[in-house]
């Protein structure tokens, strides 16, 4: 077809609709154009190929033999165009490949695994690998491209990175069953003055946030020991007479076993935002987009609140 490569797909669509409906007005409505525009496009096709496609002067609509040939070609072209659209749509929707995540220990071990299991049941072609790192290392891993996304507490925007809060963990007081606070359901911050305290390391975001909240409430808790590992904090509190403040989602196993008591703290500041770090100006894979979309859903936040 001479000149066909430069023709718009819409011309074939208009001609096909006209042949199917035998009506210029219906073809116009189907393509959201005027009846006059349909006539002009048909005349343009006839002029391009220097041949009549429609019988004129007859009461009933009819295609010429050339029009019948053109209609067959038009439908083939439209079918190919539709096939391309379907294939590209399927490609966009395919969720497969490797997903490399970096996460601080509390989020990587406690918050994400239930969601990961659900995600992998829906998308078995995806393979997820998670590195458990300190908060500062999570940022570096994402920035340097070793991880597709990173999960941290108190996420902040840094150069070359984006930060988005996904949910909030409630912070609760923990103690051993033998501790004098163990029978309390709710404790105000003011009653914690002078208690033996097991803390996170001073450079961790959760520790810095807790220090700010305690200073604002004029509460002094002098850490007897400091750890950068949430599991070590829990084990230390279990065997001693100290207290600590940890995210409630990390304490499910200890609550079931009865090895630690969790107590609500009477303070509006006892919430820890958790979010995702991704590289700025990087599109990300379909697997990553689908993974993050699930975490943004209110149903996921509701599950965390109940856990």
C-alpha atoms as a PDB file:
ATOM      1  CA  UNK A   1       0.000   0.000   0.000  1.00  0.00           C
ATOM      2  CA  UNK A   2       1.638   3.157  -1.173  1.00  0.00           C
ATOM      3  CA  UNK A   3       1.524   5.746   1.573  1.00  0.00           C
ATOM      4  CA  UNK A   4      -0.138   3.392   4.084  1.00  0.00           C
ATOM      5  CA  UNK A   5       2.659   3.548   6.698  1.00  0.00           C
ATOM      6  CA  UNK A   6       1.896   7.228   7.299  1.00  0.00           C
ATOM      7  CA  UNK A   7      -1.841   6.667   7.764  1.00  0.00           C
ATOM      8  CA  UNK A   8      -3.383   6.913  11.213  1.00  0.00           C
ATOM      9  CA  UNK A   9      -5.004   3.867  12.780  1.00  0.00           C
ATOM     10  CA  UNK A  10      -8.102   5.996  13.389  1.00  0.00           C
ATOM     11  CA  UNK A  11      -8.804   6.116   9.629  1.00  0.00           C
ATOM     12  CA  UNK A  12      -9.094   2.320   9.498  1.00  0.00           C
ATOM     13  CA  UNK A  13     -11.328   2.396  12.572  1.00  0.00           C
ATOM     14  CA  UNK A  14     -13.670   4.975  11.007  1.00  0.00           C
ATOM     15  CA  UNK A  15     -13.893   3.031   7.752  1.00  0.00           C
ATOM     16  CA  UNK A  16     -14.527  -0.272   9.562  1.00  0.00           C
ATOM     17  CA  UNK A  17     -17.275   1.279  11.702  1.00  0.00           C
ATOM     18  CA  UNK A  18     -18.881   2.850   8.657  1.00  0.00           C
ATOM     19  CA  UNK A  19     -18.920  -0.486   6.833  1.00  0.00           C
ATOM     20  CA  UNK A  20     -20.333  -2.250   9.884  1.00  0.00           C
ATOM     21  CA  UNK A  21     -23.108   0.269  10.629  1.00  0.00           C
ATOM     22  CA  UNK A  22     -23.780   1.423   7.050  1.00  0.00           C
ATOM     23  CA  UNK A  23     -24.359   4.827   8.612  1.00  0.00           C
ATOM     24  CA  UNK A  24     -22.201   7.959   8.555  1.00  0.00           C
ATOM     25  CA  UNK A  25     -23.933   9.279  11.670  1.00  0.00           C
ATOM     26  CA  UNK A  26     -23.372   6.082  13.703  1.00  0.00           C
ATOM     27  CA  UNK A  27     -19.730   5.878  12.603  1.00  0.00           C
ATOM     28  CA  UNK A  28     -19.322   9.483  13.704  1.00  0.00           C
ATOM     29  CA  UNK A  29     -20.777   8.746  17.164  1.00  0.00           C
ATOM     30  CA  UNK A  30     -18.575   5.678  17.612  1.00  0.00           C
ATOM     31  CA  UNK A  31     -15.454   7.753  16.958  1.00  0.00           C
ATOM     32  CA  UNK A  32     -16.595  10.928  18.699  1.00  0.00           C
ATOM     33  CA  UNK A  33     -16.328  13.047  15.549  1.00  0.00           C
ATOM     34  CA  UNK A  34     -18.811  14.813  13.304  1.00  0.00           C
ATOM     35  CA  UNK A  35     -20.634  13.215  10.378  1.00  0.00           C
ATOM     36  CA  UNK A  36     -18.886  15.685   8.112  1.00  0.00           C
ATOM     37  CA  UNK A  37     -15.521  14.505   9.430  1.00  0.00           C
ATOM     38  CA  UNK A  38     -16.417  10.901   8.546  1.00  0.00           C
ATOM     39  CA  UNK A  39     -17.226  11.961   4.969  1.00  0.00           C
ATOM     40  CA  UNK A  40     -13.976  13.921   4.698  1.00  0.00           C
ATOM     41  CA  UNK A  41     -11.913  10.985   5.965  1.00  0.00           C
ATOM     42  CA  UNK A  42     -13.505   8.591   3.455  1.00  0.00           C
ATOM     43  CA  UNK A  43     -12.843  11.066   0.638  1.00  0.00           C
ATOM     44  CA  UNK A  44      -9.257  11.379   1.866  1.00  0.00           C
ATOM     45  CA  UNK A  45      -8.808   7.597   1.656  1.00  0.00           C
ATOM     46  CA  UNK A  46     -10.259   7.481  -1.834  1.00  0.00           C
ATOM     47  CA  UNK A  47      -8.020  10.323  -2.924  1.00  0.00           C
ATOM     48  CA  UNK A  48      -4.942   8.661  -1.429  1.00  0.00           C
ATOM     49  CA  UNK A  49      -5.526   5.409  -3.335  1.00  0.00           C
ATOM     50  CA  UNK A  50      -7.252   7.015  -6.339  1.00  0.00           C
ATOM     51  CA  UNK A  51     -10.147   4.550  -6.169  1.00  0.00           C
ATOM     52  CA  UNK A  52     -13.767   4.552  -5.029  1.00  0.00           C
ATOM     53  CA  UNK A  53     -14.438   2.674  -1.789  1.00  0.00           C
ATOM     54  CA  UNK A  54     -18.152   3.457  -1.422  1.00  0.00           C
ATOM     55  CA  UNK A  55     -20.931   3.305  -4.018  1.00  0.00           C
ATOM     56  CA  UNK A  56     -22.474   6.758  -4.346  1.00  0.00           C
ATOM     57  CA  UNK A  57     -25.826   7.679  -5.699  1.00  0.00           C
ATOM     58  CA  UNK A  58     -27.576   4.555  -4.408  1.00  0.00           C
ATOM     59  CA  UNK A  59     -30.308   4.578  -1.783  1.00  0.00           C
ATOM     60  CA  UNK A  60     -28.712   1.793   0.290  1.00  0.00           C
ATOM     61  CA  UNK A  61     -25.155   1.958   1.598  1.00  0.00           C
ATOM     62  CA  UNK A  62     -22.741  -0.324  -0.260  1.00  0.00           C
ATOM     63  CA  UNK A  63     -18.996  -0.884  -0.603  1.00  0.00           C
ATOM     64  CA  UNK A  64     -17.314  -1.174  -3.969  1.00  0.00           C
ATOM     65  CA  UNK A  65     -15.195  -4.273  -4.660  1.00  0.00           C
ATOM     66  CA  UNK A  66     -12.166  -2.140  -3.754  1.00  0.00           C
ATOM     67  CA  UNK A  67     -13.969  -1.090  -0.585  1.00  0.00           C
ATOM     68  CA  UNK A  68     -14.471  -4.753   0.349  1.00  0.00           C
ATOM     69  CA  UNK A  69     -10.730  -5.376  -0.103  1.00  0.00           C
ATOM     70  CA  UNK A  70      -9.884  -2.276   1.903  1.00  0.00           C
ATOM     71  CA  UNK A  71     -12.280  -3.334   4.676  1.00  0.00           C
ATOM     72  CA  UNK A  72     -10.551  -6.707   5.005  1.00  0.00           C
ATOM     73  CA  UNK A  73      -7.153  -5.004   5.224  1.00  0.00           C
ATOM     74  CA  UNK A  74      -8.477  -2.433   7.688  1.00  0.00           C
ATOM     75  CA  UNK A  75      -9.794  -5.142  10.003  1.00  0.00           C
ATOM     76  CA  UNK A  76      -6.468  -6.995   9.844  1.00  0.00           C
ATOM     77  CA  UNK A  77      -4.589  -3.802  10.755  1.00  0.00           C
ATOM     78  CA  UNK A  78      -6.974  -3.062  13.631  1.00  0.00           C
ATOM     79  CA  UNK A  79      -6.577  -6.623  14.915  1.00  0.00           C
ATOM     80  CA  UNK A  80      -2.782  -6.290  14.881  1.00  0.00           C
ATOM     81  CA  UNK A  81      -2.980  -2.932  16.660  1.00  0.00           C
ATOM     82  CA  UNK A  82      -5.262  -4.437  19.319  1.00  0.00           C
ATOM     83  CA  UNK A  83      -2.897  -7.387  19.682  1.00  0.00           C
ATOM     84  CA  UNK A  84       0.033  -5.047  20.279  1.00  0.00           C
ATOM     85  CA  UNK A  85      -1.951  -3.153  22.911  1.00  0.00           C
ATOM     86  CA  UNK A  86      -2.910  -6.396  24.689  1.00  0.00           C
ATOM     87  CA  UNK A  87       0.666  -7.692  24.649  1.00  0.00           C
ATOM     88  CA  UNK A  88       2.067  -4.458  26.032  1.00  0.00           C
ATOM     89  CA  UNK A  89      -0.642  -4.349  28.700  1.00  0.00           C
ATOM     90  CA  UNK A  90       0.164  -7.917  29.695  1.00  0.00           C
ATOM     91  CA  UNK A  91       3.851  -7.038  29.845  1.00  0.00           C
ATOM     92  CA  UNK A  92       3.107  -4.136  32.182  1.00  0.00           C
ATOM     93  CA  UNK A  93       1.009  -6.376  34.389  1.00  0.00           C
ATOM     94  CA  UNK A  94       3.459  -9.289  34.605  1.00  0.00           C
ATOM     95  CA  UNK A  95       4.934  -9.396  38.090  1.00  0.00           C
ATOM     96  CA  UNK A  96       8.141 -11.419  38.061  1.00  0.00           C
ATOM     97  CA  UNK A  97      11.874 -11.194  38.654  1.00  0.00           C
ATOM     98  CA  UNK A  98      14.010 -10.451  41.686  1.00  0.00           C
ATOM     99  CA  UNK A  99      13.057  -7.994  44.416  1.00  0.00           C
ATOM    100  CA  UNK A 100      15.950  -6.961  46.644  1.00  0.00           C
ATOM    101  CA  UNK A 101      14.950  -5.260  49.898  1.00  0.00           C
ATOM    102  CA  UNK A 102      16.881  -3.780  52.803  1.00  0.00           C
ATOM    103  CA  UNK A 103      15.242  -3.360  56.209  1.00  0.00           C
ATOM    104  CA  UNK A 104      16.031  -2.636  59.807  1.00  0.00           C
ATOM    105  CA  UNK A 105      15.711  -5.768  61.911  1.00  0.00           C
ATOM    106  CA  UNK A 106      12.433  -4.942  63.658  1.00  0.00           C
ATOM    107  CA  UNK A 107      10.617  -4.262  60.377  1.00  0.00           C
ATOM    108  CA  UNK A 108      12.312  -6.992  58.345  1.00  0.00           C
ATOM    109  CA  UNK A 109      11.683  -9.741  60.906  1.00  0.00           C
ATOM    110  CA  UNK A 110       8.275  -8.751  62.254  1.00  0.00           C
ATOM    111  CA  UNK A 111       6.259  -6.371  60.048  1.00  0.00           C
ATOM    112  CA  UNK A 112       7.116  -7.516  56.526  1.00  0.00           C
ATOM    113  CA  UNK A 113       7.152 -11.364  56.605  1.00  0.00           C
ATOM    114  CA  UNK A 114       3.347 -11.929  56.829  1.00  0.00           C
ATOM    115  CA  UNK A 115       2.826  -9.558  53.900  1.00  0.00           C
ATOM    116  CA  UNK A 116       5.684 -11.150  51.941  1.00  0.00           C
ATOM    117  CA  UNK A 117       4.099 -14.596  52.263  1.00  0.00           C
ATOM    118  CA  UNK A 118       0.799 -13.240  50.970  1.00  0.00           C
ATOM    119  CA  UNK A 119       2.530 -11.386  48.123  1.00  0.00           C
ATOM    120  CA  UNK A 120       4.475 -14.468  47.010  1.00  0.00           C
ATOM    121  CA  UNK A 121       1.333 -16.589  46.958  1.00  0.00           C
ATOM    122  CA  UNK A 122      -0.159 -14.104  44.505  1.00  0.00           C
ATOM    123  CA  UNK A 123       3.062 -13.619  42.529  1.00  0.00           C
ATOM    124  CA  UNK A 124       5.079 -16.856  42.655  1.00  0.00           C
ATOM    125  CA  UNK A 125       7.376 -15.698  39.851  1.00  0.00           C
ATOM    126  CA  UNK A 126       8.920 -13.078  42.132  1.00  0.00           C
ATOM    127  CA  UNK A 127      11.938 -13.898  44.288  1.00  0.00           C
ATOM    128  CA  UNK A 128      12.498 -11.677  47.331  1.00  0.00           C
ATOM    129  CA  UNK A 129      15.820 -11.261  49.082  1.00  0.00           C
ATOM    130  CA  UNK A 130      16.048  -9.149  52.240  1.00  0.00           C
ATOM    131  CA  UNK A 131      19.154  -7.717  53.892  1.00  0.00           C
ATOM    132  CA  UNK A 132      18.817  -6.852  57.587  1.00  0.00           C
ATOM    133  CA  UNK A 133      20.818  -3.690  58.230  1.00  0.00           C
ATOM    134  CA  UNK A 134      21.204  -0.735  60.548  1.00  0.00           C
ATOM    135  CA  UNK A 135      19.149   2.285  59.560  1.00  0.00           C
ATOM    136  CA  UNK A 136      22.058   4.232  58.042  1.00  0.00           C
ATOM    137  CA  UNK A 137      23.087   1.182  56.029  1.00  0.00           C
ATOM    138  CA  UNK A 138      19.587   0.836  54.578  1.00  0.00           C
ATOM    139  CA  UNK A 139      19.834   4.339  53.105  1.00  0.00           C
ATOM    140  CA  UNK A 140      23.255   3.574  51.624  1.00  0.00           C
ATOM    141  CA  UNK A 141      22.112   0.271  50.175  1.00  0.00           C
ATOM    142  CA  UNK A 142      19.224   1.913  48.313  1.00  0.00           C
ATOM    143  CA  UNK A 143      21.247   4.915  47.162  1.00  0.00           C
ATOM    144  CA  UNK A 144      24.024   2.712  45.788  1.00  0.00           C
ATOM    145  CA  UNK A 145      21.553   0.451  43.992  1.00  0.00           C
ATOM    146  CA  UNK A 146      22.146  -2.704  46.039  1.00  0.00           C
ATOM    147  CA  UNK A 147      18.505  -2.682  47.161  1.00  0.00           C
ATOM    148  CA  UNK A 148      15.369  -1.765  45.228  1.00  0.00           C
ATOM    149  CA  UNK A 149      13.754  -0.369  48.376  1.00  0.00           C
ATOM    150  CA  UNK A 150      14.581   0.048  52.037  1.00  0.00           C
ATOM    151  CA  UNK A 151      12.373  -0.005  55.128  1.00  0.00           C
ATOM    152  CA  UNK A 152      13.254   2.133  58.138  1.00  0.00           C
ATOM    153  CA  UNK A 153      11.689   3.837  61.129  1.00  0.00           C
ATOM    154  CA  UNK A 154      11.307   7.615  61.007  1.00  0.00           C
ATOM    155  CA  UNK A 155      12.111   7.805  57.260  1.00  0.00           C
ATOM    156  CA  UNK A 156      13.667  11.036  56.012  1.00  0.00           C
ATOM    157  CA  UNK A 157      14.347  12.412  52.551  1.00  0.00           C
ATOM    158  CA  UNK A 158      17.999  12.464  51.583  1.00  0.00           C
ATOM    159  CA  UNK A 159      19.825  13.542  48.473  1.00  0.00           C
ATOM    160  CA  UNK A 160      18.990  11.158  45.637  1.00  0.00           C
ATOM    161  CA  UNK A 161      16.345   9.362  47.706  1.00  0.00           C
ATOM    162  CA  UNK A 162      12.607   9.543  48.318  1.00  0.00           C
ATOM    163  CA  UNK A 163      10.944   8.714  51.637  1.00  0.00           C
ATOM    164  CA  UNK A 164       7.336   7.717  52.252  1.00  0.00           C
ATOM    165  CA  UNK A 165       5.650   6.804  55.532  1.00  0.00           C
ATOM    166  CA  UNK A 166       3.608   3.605  55.106  1.00  0.00           C
ATOM    167  CA  UNK A 167       2.312   2.845  58.602  1.00  0.00           C
ATOM    168  CA  UNK A 168       2.837   3.581  62.295  1.00  0.00           C
ATOM    169  CA  UNK A 169       3.863   1.126  65.016  1.00  0.00           C
ATOM    170  CA  UNK A 170       2.633   1.730  68.540  1.00  0.00           C
ATOM    171  CA  UNK A 171       5.426   1.889  71.094  1.00  0.00           C
ATOM    172  CA  UNK A 172       4.726   0.087  74.372  1.00  0.00           C
ATOM    173  CA  UNK A 173       6.466  -0.465  77.674  1.00  0.00           C
ATOM    174  CA  UNK A 174       7.836  -3.970  78.237  1.00  0.00           C
ATOM    175  CA  UNK A 175       8.937  -5.709  81.415  1.00  0.00           C
ATOM    176  CA  UNK A 176       9.309  -9.218  82.811  1.00  0.00           C
ATOM    177  CA  UNK A 177       6.307 -10.880  84.513  1.00  0.00           C
ATOM    178  CA  UNK A 178       8.032 -10.393  87.889  1.00  0.00           C
ATOM    179  CA  UNK A 179       8.471  -6.619  87.495  1.00  0.00           C
ATOM    180  CA  UNK A 180       6.468  -4.369  89.828  1.00  0.00           C
ATOM    181  CA  UNK A 181       4.721  -2.766  86.797  1.00  0.00           C
ATOM    182  CA  UNK A 182       3.726  -6.097  85.266  1.00  0.00           C
ATOM    183  CA  UNK A 183       0.100  -5.953  86.428  1.00  0.00           C
ATOM    184  CA  UNK A 184      -0.512  -2.492  85.044  1.00  0.00           C
ATOM    185  CA  UNK A 185      -2.516  -2.045  81.846  1.00  0.00           C
ATOM    186  CA  UNK A 186      -1.586   1.577  81.246  1.00  0.00           C
ATOM    187  CA  UNK A 187       1.241   3.668  82.685  1.00  0.00           C
ATOM    188  CA  UNK A 188       1.878   7.426  82.384  1.00  0.00           C
ATOM    189  CA  UNK A 189       5.385   8.494  81.452  1.00  0.00           C
ATOM    190  CA  UNK A 190       5.748  10.259  84.796  1.00  0.00           C
ATOM    191  CA  UNK A 191       5.819   6.899  86.632  1.00  0.00           C
ATOM    192  CA  UNK A 192       8.874   5.756  84.701  1.00  0.00           C
ATOM    193  CA  UNK A 193      11.289   8.154  86.398  1.00  0.00           C
ATOM    194  CA  UNK A 194      14.247   6.301  87.837  1.00  0.00           C
ATOM    195  CA  UNK A 195      13.401   2.895  86.333  1.00  0.00           C
ATOM    196  CA  UNK A 196      16.216   0.694  85.070  1.00  0.00           C
ATOM    197  CA  UNK A 197      16.088   1.057  81.310  1.00  0.00           C
ATOM    198  CA  UNK A 198      17.400  -1.007  78.411  1.00  0.00           C
ATOM    199  CA  UNK A 199      17.734   1.239  75.384  1.00  0.00           C
ATOM    200  CA  UNK A 200      18.507   1.201  71.714  1.00  0.00           C
ATOM    201  CA  UNK A 201      21.919   2.484  70.655  1.00  0.00           C
ATOM    202  CA  UNK A 202      22.108   6.275  70.804  1.00  0.00           C
ATOM    203  CA  UNK A 203      22.511   6.737  67.034  1.00  0.00           C
ATOM    204  CA  UNK A 204      19.339   4.852  66.054  1.00  0.00           C
ATOM    205  CA  UNK A 205      16.300   6.927  64.942  1.00  0.00           C
ATOM    206  CA  UNK A 206      13.904   5.227  67.366  1.00  0.00           C
ATOM    207  CA  UNK A 207      16.233   5.961  70.289  1.00  0.00           C
ATOM    208  CA  UNK A 208      16.566   9.611  69.262  1.00  0.00           C
ATOM    209  CA  UNK A 209      12.778   9.955  68.989  1.00  0.00           C
ATOM    210  CA  UNK A 210      12.255   8.359  72.402  1.00  0.00           C
ATOM    211  CA  UNK A 211      14.850  10.651  73.955  1.00  0.00           C
ATOM    212  CA  UNK A 212      12.990  13.674  72.562  1.00  0.00           C
ATOM    213  CA  UNK A 213       9.646  12.420  73.928  1.00  0.00           C
ATOM    214  CA  UNK A 214      11.137  11.748  77.365  1.00  0.00           C
ATOM    215  CA  UNK A 215      12.849  15.155  77.496  1.00  0.00           C
ATOM    216  CA  UNK A 216       9.576  16.851  76.532  1.00  0.00           C
ATOM    217  CA  UNK A 217       7.849  15.031  79.403  1.00  0.00           C
ATOM    218  CA  UNK A 218      10.797  15.829  81.733  1.00  0.00           C
ATOM    219  CA  UNK A 219      11.371  12.131  82.377  1.00  0.00           C
ATOM    220  CA  UNK A 220      14.860  10.826  83.127  1.00  0.00           C
ATOM    221  CA  UNK A 221      15.663   7.251  82.205  1.00  0.00           C
ATOM    222  CA  UNK A 222      19.333   6.433  82.391  1.00  0.00           C
ATOM    223  CA  UNK A 223      20.071   3.420  80.156  1.00  0.00           C
ATOM    224  CA  UNK A 224      21.813   0.608  81.981  1.00  0.00           C
ATOM    225  CA  UNK A 225      22.614  -1.035  78.649  1.00  0.00           C
ATOM    226  CA  UNK A 226      22.313  -0.055  74.987  1.00  0.00           C
ATOM    227  CA  UNK A 227      21.912  -2.372  71.995  1.00  0.00           C
ATOM    228  CA  UNK A 228      21.447  -1.912  68.258  1.00  0.00           C
ATOM    229  CA  UNK A 229      19.546  -5.207  68.035  1.00  0.00           C
ATOM    230  CA  UNK A 230      15.895  -5.349  69.069  1.00  0.00           C
ATOM    231  CA  UNK A 231      16.081  -9.069  69.864  1.00  0.00           C
ATOM    232  CA  UNK A 232      18.924  -8.464  72.318  1.00  0.00           C
ATOM    233  CA  UNK A 233      16.886  -5.739  74.030  1.00  0.00           C
ATOM    234  CA  UNK A 234      14.002  -8.178  74.512  1.00  0.00           C
ATOM    235  CA  UNK A 235      16.190 -10.972  75.879  1.00  0.00           C
ATOM    236  CA  UNK A 236      17.864  -8.580  78.336  1.00  0.00           C
ATOM    237  CA  UNK A 237      14.520  -7.344  79.670  1.00  0.00           C
ATOM    238  CA  UNK A 238      13.245 -10.934  80.009  1.00  0.00           C
ATOM    239  CA  UNK A 239      16.006 -11.948  82.417  1.00  0.00           C
ATOM    240  CA  UNK A 240      16.304  -8.749  84.451  1.00  0.00           C
ATOM    241  CA  UNK A 241      14.330  -6.184  86.396  1.00  0.00           C
ATOM    242  CA  UNK A 242      14.616  -3.483  83.766  1.00  0.00           C
ATOM    243  CA  UNK A 243      12.082  -2.002  81.356  1.00  0.00           C
ATOM    244  CA  UNK A 244      12.259  -0.923  77.744  1.00  0.00           C
ATOM    245  CA  UNK A 245      10.061   0.692  75.113  1.00  0.00           C
ATOM    246  CA  UNK A 246       9.609  -1.217  71.848  1.00  0.00           C
ATOM    247  CA  UNK A 247       7.244  -1.413  68.859  1.00  0.00           C
ATOM    248  CA  UNK A 248       4.248  -3.571  69.762  1.00  0.00           C
ATOM    249  CA  UNK A 249       4.404  -5.493  66.464  1.00  0.00           C
ATOM    250  CA  UNK A 250       7.777  -6.959  67.471  1.00  0.00           C
ATOM    251  CA  UNK A 251       6.405  -8.576  70.638  1.00  0.00           C
ATOM    252  CA  UNK A 252       3.810 -11.044  69.352  1.00  0.00           C
ATOM    253  CA  UNK A 253       5.828 -14.167  70.180  1.00  0.00           C
ATOM    254  CA  UNK A 254       6.798 -12.965  73.657  1.00  0.00           C
ATOM    255  CA  UNK A 255       3.187 -12.027  74.443  1.00  0.00           C
ATOM    256  CA  UNK A 256       2.001 -15.501  73.444  1.00  0.00           C
ATOM    257  CA  UNK A 257       4.719 -17.173  75.491  1.00  0.00           C
ATOM    258  CA  UNK A 258       4.152 -14.881  78.476  1.00  0.00           C
ATOM    259  CA  UNK A 259       7.865 -14.090  78.706  1.00  0.00           C
ATOM    260  CA  UNK A 260       7.297 -10.333  78.422  1.00  0.00           C
ATOM    261  CA  UNK A 261       4.490  -8.079  79.585  1.00  0.00           C
ATOM    262  CA  UNK A 262       3.406  -5.199  77.332  1.00  0.00           C
ATOM    263  CA  UNK A 263       1.899  -2.080  78.892  1.00  0.00           C
ATOM    264  CA  UNK A 264       0.319   0.857  77.093  1.00  0.00           C
ATOM    265  CA  UNK A 265       2.066   4.171  77.699  1.00  0.00           C
ATOM    266  CA  UNK A 266      -0.166   7.151  78.397  1.00  0.00           C
ATOM    267  CA  UNK A 267       1.380   9.536  75.866  1.00  0.00           C
ATOM    268  CA  UNK A 268       0.435  10.757  72.383  1.00  0.00           C
ATOM    269  CA  UNK A 269       4.085  10.524  71.269  1.00  0.00           C
ATOM    270  CA  UNK A 270       4.282   6.732  71.520  1.00  0.00           C
ATOM    271  CA  UNK A 271       3.966   5.985  67.796  1.00  0.00           C
ATOM    272  CA  UNK A 272       6.804   5.100  65.439  1.00  0.00           C
ATOM    273  CA  UNK A 273       6.381   5.910  61.721  1.00  0.00           C
ATOM    274  CA  UNK A 274       7.740   3.230  59.398  1.00  0.00           C
ATOM    275  CA  UNK A 275       8.353   3.927  55.747  1.00  0.00           C
ATOM    276  CA  UNK A 276      10.041   3.028  52.520  1.00  0.00           C
ATOM    277  CA  UNK A 277      13.141   4.544  50.954  1.00  0.00           C
ATOM    278  CA  UNK A 278      13.527   4.457  47.161  1.00  0.00           C
ATOM    279  CA  UNK A 279      15.853   6.095  44.680  1.00  0.00           C
ATOM    280  CA  UNK A 280      14.711   9.356  43.184  1.00  0.00           C
ATOM    281  CA  UNK A 281      14.147   9.408  39.391  1.00  0.00           C
ATOM    282  CA  UNK A 282      14.145   5.623  39.176  1.00  0.00           C
ATOM    283  CA  UNK A 283      11.028   3.965  37.753  1.00  0.00           C
ATOM    284  CA  UNK A 284      11.311   0.640  39.572  1.00  0.00           C
ATOM    285  CA  UNK A 285      10.130  -2.767  38.402  1.00  0.00           C
ATOM    286  CA  UNK A 286       6.501  -3.953  38.193  1.00  0.00           C
ATOM    287  CA  UNK A 287       7.259  -6.280  41.126  1.00  0.00           C
ATOM    288  CA  UNK A 288       8.403  -3.370  43.285  1.00  0.00           C
ATOM    289  CA  UNK A 289       5.376  -1.237  42.363  1.00  0.00           C
ATOM    290  CA  UNK A 290       2.962  -4.066  43.149  1.00  0.00           C
ATOM    291  CA  UNK A 291       4.764  -4.836  46.448  1.00  0.00           C
ATOM    292  CA  UNK A 292       4.587  -1.219  47.625  1.00  0.00           C
ATOM    293  CA  UNK A 293       0.983  -0.779  46.457  1.00  0.00           C
ATOM    294  CA  UNK A 294      -0.053  -3.590  48.785  1.00  0.00           C
ATOM    295  CA  UNK A 295       1.714  -1.999  51.735  1.00  0.00           C
ATOM    296  CA  UNK A 296      -0.115   1.279  51.092  1.00  0.00           C
ATOM    297  CA  UNK A 297      -3.548  -0.319  51.377  1.00  0.00           C
ATOM    298  CA  UNK A 298      -5.552   0.446  54.534  1.00  0.00           C
ATOM    299  CA  UNK A 299      -6.126  -3.297  54.988  1.00  0.00           C
ATOM    300  CA  UNK A 300      -2.401  -3.816  55.615  1.00  0.00           C
ATOM    301  CA  UNK A 301      -2.315  -1.064  58.238  1.00  0.00           C
ATOM    302  CA  UNK A 302      -5.381  -2.599  59.884  1.00  0.00           C
ATOM    303  CA  UNK A 303      -3.631  -5.970  60.129  1.00  0.00           C
ATOM    304  CA  UNK A 304      -0.636  -4.346  61.823  1.00  0.00           C
ATOM    305  CA  UNK A 305      -2.883  -2.590  64.291  1.00  0.00           C
ATOM    306  CA  UNK A 306      -4.475  -5.908  65.285  1.00  0.00           C
ATOM    307  CA  UNK A 307      -1.214  -7.887  65.464  1.00  0.00           C
END
